[in-house]
Amino acid sequence: MTSIKKVYGKWQARVTWHDDKGRRHSKVSSQ
């Protein structure tokens, strides 16, 4: 699941995924 939203005039992409152990990880990258 990838969601992109515009925050404070910048585009911010938030990527969330689950590993094989069921743990959730999220990574936010600003462009």
PDB file of N, CA and C in Angstrom:
ATOM      1  N   MET A   1       0.847  -1.192   0.000  1.00  0.00           N
ATOM      2  CA  MET A   1       0.000   0.000   0.000  1.00  0.00           C
ATOM      3  C   MET A   1       0.884   1.245   0.000  1.00  0.00           C
ATOM      4  N   THR A   2       0.653   2.100  -0.956  1.00  0.00           N
ATOM      5  CA  THR A   2       1.436   3.329  -1.048  1.00  0.00           C
ATOM      6  C   THR A   2       0.494   4.516  -1.132  1.00  0.00           C
ATOM      7  N   SER A   3       0.707   5.478  -0.266  1.00  0.00           N
ATOM      8  CA  SER A   3      -0.125   6.675  -0.295  1.00  0.00           C
ATOM      9  C   SER A   3       0.765   7.898  -0.449  1.00  0.00           C
ATOM     10  N   ILE A   4       0.331   8.795  -1.314  1.00  0.00           N
ATOM     11  CA  ILE A   4       1.104  10.009  -1.540  1.00  0.00           C
ATOM     12  C   ILE A   4       0.222  11.210  -1.212  1.00  0.00           C
ATOM     13  N   LYS A   5       0.738  12.097  -0.389  1.00  0.00           N
ATOM     14  CA  LYS A   5      -0.022  13.285  -0.041  1.00  0.00           C
ATOM     15  C   LYS A   5       0.903  14.493  -0.018  1.00  0.00           C
ATOM     16  N   LYS A   6       0.299  15.648  -0.193  1.00  0.00           N
ATOM     17  CA  LYS A   6       1.103  16.862  -0.230  1.00  0.00           C
ATOM     18  C   LYS A   6       1.039  17.525   1.136  1.00  0.00           C
ATOM     19  N   VAL A   7       2.217  17.662   1.769  1.00  0.00           N
ATOM     20  CA  VAL A   7       2.273  18.222   3.106  1.00  0.00           C
ATOM     21  C   VAL A   7       3.257  19.381   3.123  1.00  0.00           C
ATOM     22  N   TYR A   8       2.796  20.516   3.613  1.00  0.00           N
ATOM     23  CA  TYR A   8       3.662  21.704   3.733  1.00  0.00           C
ATOM     24  C   TYR A   8       4.323  22.066   2.409  1.00  0.00           C
ATOM     25  N   GLY A   9       3.578  21.877   1.319  1.00  0.00           N
ATOM     26  CA  GLY A   9       4.107  22.247   0.020  1.00  0.00           C
ATOM     27  C   GLY A   9       5.054  21.226  -0.579  1.00  0.00           C
ATOM     28  N   LYS A  10       5.242  20.100   0.115  1.00  0.00           N
ATOM     29  CA  LYS A  10       6.124  19.061  -0.409  1.00  0.00           C
ATOM     30  C   LYS A  10       5.332  17.765  -0.578  1.00  0.00           C
ATOM     31  N   TRP A  11       5.734  17.005  -1.569  1.00  0.00           N
ATOM     32  CA  TRP A  11       5.109  15.703  -1.768  1.00  0.00           C
ATOM     33  C   TRP A  11       5.781  14.682  -0.859  1.00  0.00           C
ATOM     34  N   GLN A  12       4.956  13.964  -0.113  1.00  0.00           N
ATOM     35  CA  GLN A  12       5.491  12.987   0.822  1.00  0.00           C
ATOM     36  C   GLN A  12       4.880  11.625   0.529  1.00  0.00           C
ATOM     37  N   ALA A  13       5.733  10.662   0.281  1.00  0.00           N
ATOM     38  CA  ALA A  13       5.274   9.310  -0.026  1.00  0.00           C
ATOM     39  C   ALA A  13       5.470   8.420   1.190  1.00  0.00           C
ATOM     40  N   ARG A  14       4.408   7.731   1.582  1.00  0.00           N
ATOM     41  CA  ARG A  14       4.472   6.856   2.746  1.00  0.00           C
ATOM     42  C   ARG A  14       4.256   5.420   2.281  1.00  0.00           C
ATOM     43  N   VAL A  15       5.239   4.605   2.515  1.00  0.00           N
ATOM     44  CA  VAL A  15       5.150   3.207   2.086  1.00  0.00           C
ATOM     45  C   VAL A  15       5.074   2.308   3.317  1.00  0.00           C
ATOM     46  N   THR A  16       4.067   1.458   3.337  1.00  0.00           N
ATOM     47  CA  THR A  16       3.897   0.550   4.468  1.00  0.00           C
ATOM     48  C   THR A  16       3.878  -0.890   3.965  1.00  0.00           C
ATOM     49  N   TRP A  17       4.631  -1.754   4.633  1.00  0.00           N
ATOM     50  CA  TRP A  17       4.642  -3.149   4.220  1.00  0.00           C
ATOM     51  C   TRP A  17       4.800  -4.048   5.439  1.00  0.00           C
ATOM     52  N   HIS A  18       4.518  -5.331   5.233  1.00  0.00           N
ATOM     53  CA  HIS A  18       4.659  -6.316   6.294  1.00  0.00           C
ATOM     54  C   HIS A  18       5.728  -7.324   5.893  1.00  0.00           C
ATOM     55  N   ASP A  19       6.545  -7.694   6.856  1.00  0.00           N
ATOM     56  CA  ASP A  19       7.551  -8.709   6.542  1.00  0.00           C
ATOM     57  C   ASP A  19       6.958 -10.105   6.774  1.00  0.00           C
ATOM     58  N   ASP A  20       7.773 -11.123   6.576  1.00  0.00           N
ATOM     59  CA  ASP A  20       7.273 -12.499   6.672  1.00  0.00           C
ATOM     60  C   ASP A  20       6.911 -12.895   8.097  1.00  0.00           C
ATOM     61  N   LYS A  21       7.269 -12.053   9.077  1.00  0.00           N
ATOM     62  CA  LYS A  21       6.918 -12.374  10.461  1.00  0.00           C
ATOM     63  C   LYS A  21       5.676 -11.591  10.917  1.00  0.00           C
ATOM     64  N   GLY A  22       5.082 -10.852   9.969  1.00  0.00           N
ATOM     65  CA  GLY A  22       3.854 -10.154  10.295  1.00  0.00           C
ATOM     66  C   GLY A  22       4.063  -8.788  10.923  1.00  0.00           C
ATOM     67  N   ARG A  23       5.309  -8.334  10.966  1.00  0.00           N
ATOM     68  CA  ARG A  23       5.566  -7.017  11.536  1.00  0.00           C
ATOM     69  C   ARG A  23       5.380  -5.945  10.465  1.00  0.00           C
ATOM     70  N   ARG A  24       4.859  -4.805  10.904  1.00  0.00           N
ATOM     71  CA  ARG A  24       4.605  -3.735   9.946  1.00  0.00           C
ATOM     72  C   ARG A  24       5.732  -2.715   9.962  1.00  0.00           C
ATOM     73  N   HIS A  25       6.153  -2.312   8.792  1.00  0.00           N
ATOM     74  CA  HIS A  25       7.195  -1.300   8.669  1.00  0.00           C
ATOM     75  C   HIS A  25       6.668  -0.162   7.813  1.00  0.00           C
ATOM     76  N   SER A  26       7.119   1.041   8.103  1.00  0.00           N
ATOM     77  CA  SER A  26       6.705   2.183   7.296  1.00  0.00           C
ATOM     78  C   SER A  26       7.907   3.060   6.992  1.00  0.00           C
ATOM     79  N   LYS A  27       7.925   3.576   5.787  1.00  0.00           N
ATOM     80  CA  LYS A  27       9.030   4.424   5.358  1.00  0.00           C
ATOM     81  C   LYS A  27       8.457   5.671   4.706  1.00  0.00           C
ATOM     82  N   VAL A  28       8.933   6.826   5.133  1.00  0.00           N
ATOM     83  CA  VAL A  28       8.453   8.080   4.568  1.00  0.00           C
ATOM     84  C   VAL A  28       9.590   8.759   3.826  1.00  0.00           C
ATOM     85  N   SER A  29       9.351   9.049   2.570  1.00  0.00           N
ATOM     86  CA  SER A  29      10.371   9.723   1.780  1.00  0.00           C
ATOM     87  C   SER A  29       9.816  11.016   1.216  1.00  0.00           C
ATOM     88  N   SER A  30      10.555  12.081   1.360  1.00  0.00           N
ATOM     89  CA  SER A  30      10.138  13.376   0.847  1.00  0.00           C
ATOM     90  C   SER A  30      10.868  13.664  -0.460  1.00  0.00           C
ATOM     91  N   GLN A  31      10.150  14.250  -1.384  1.00  0.00           N
ATOM     92  CA  GLN A  31      10.745  14.557  -2.673  1.00  0.00           C
ATOM     93  C   GLN A  31      10.824  16.061  -2.877  1.00  0.00           C
TER      94      GLN A  31
END
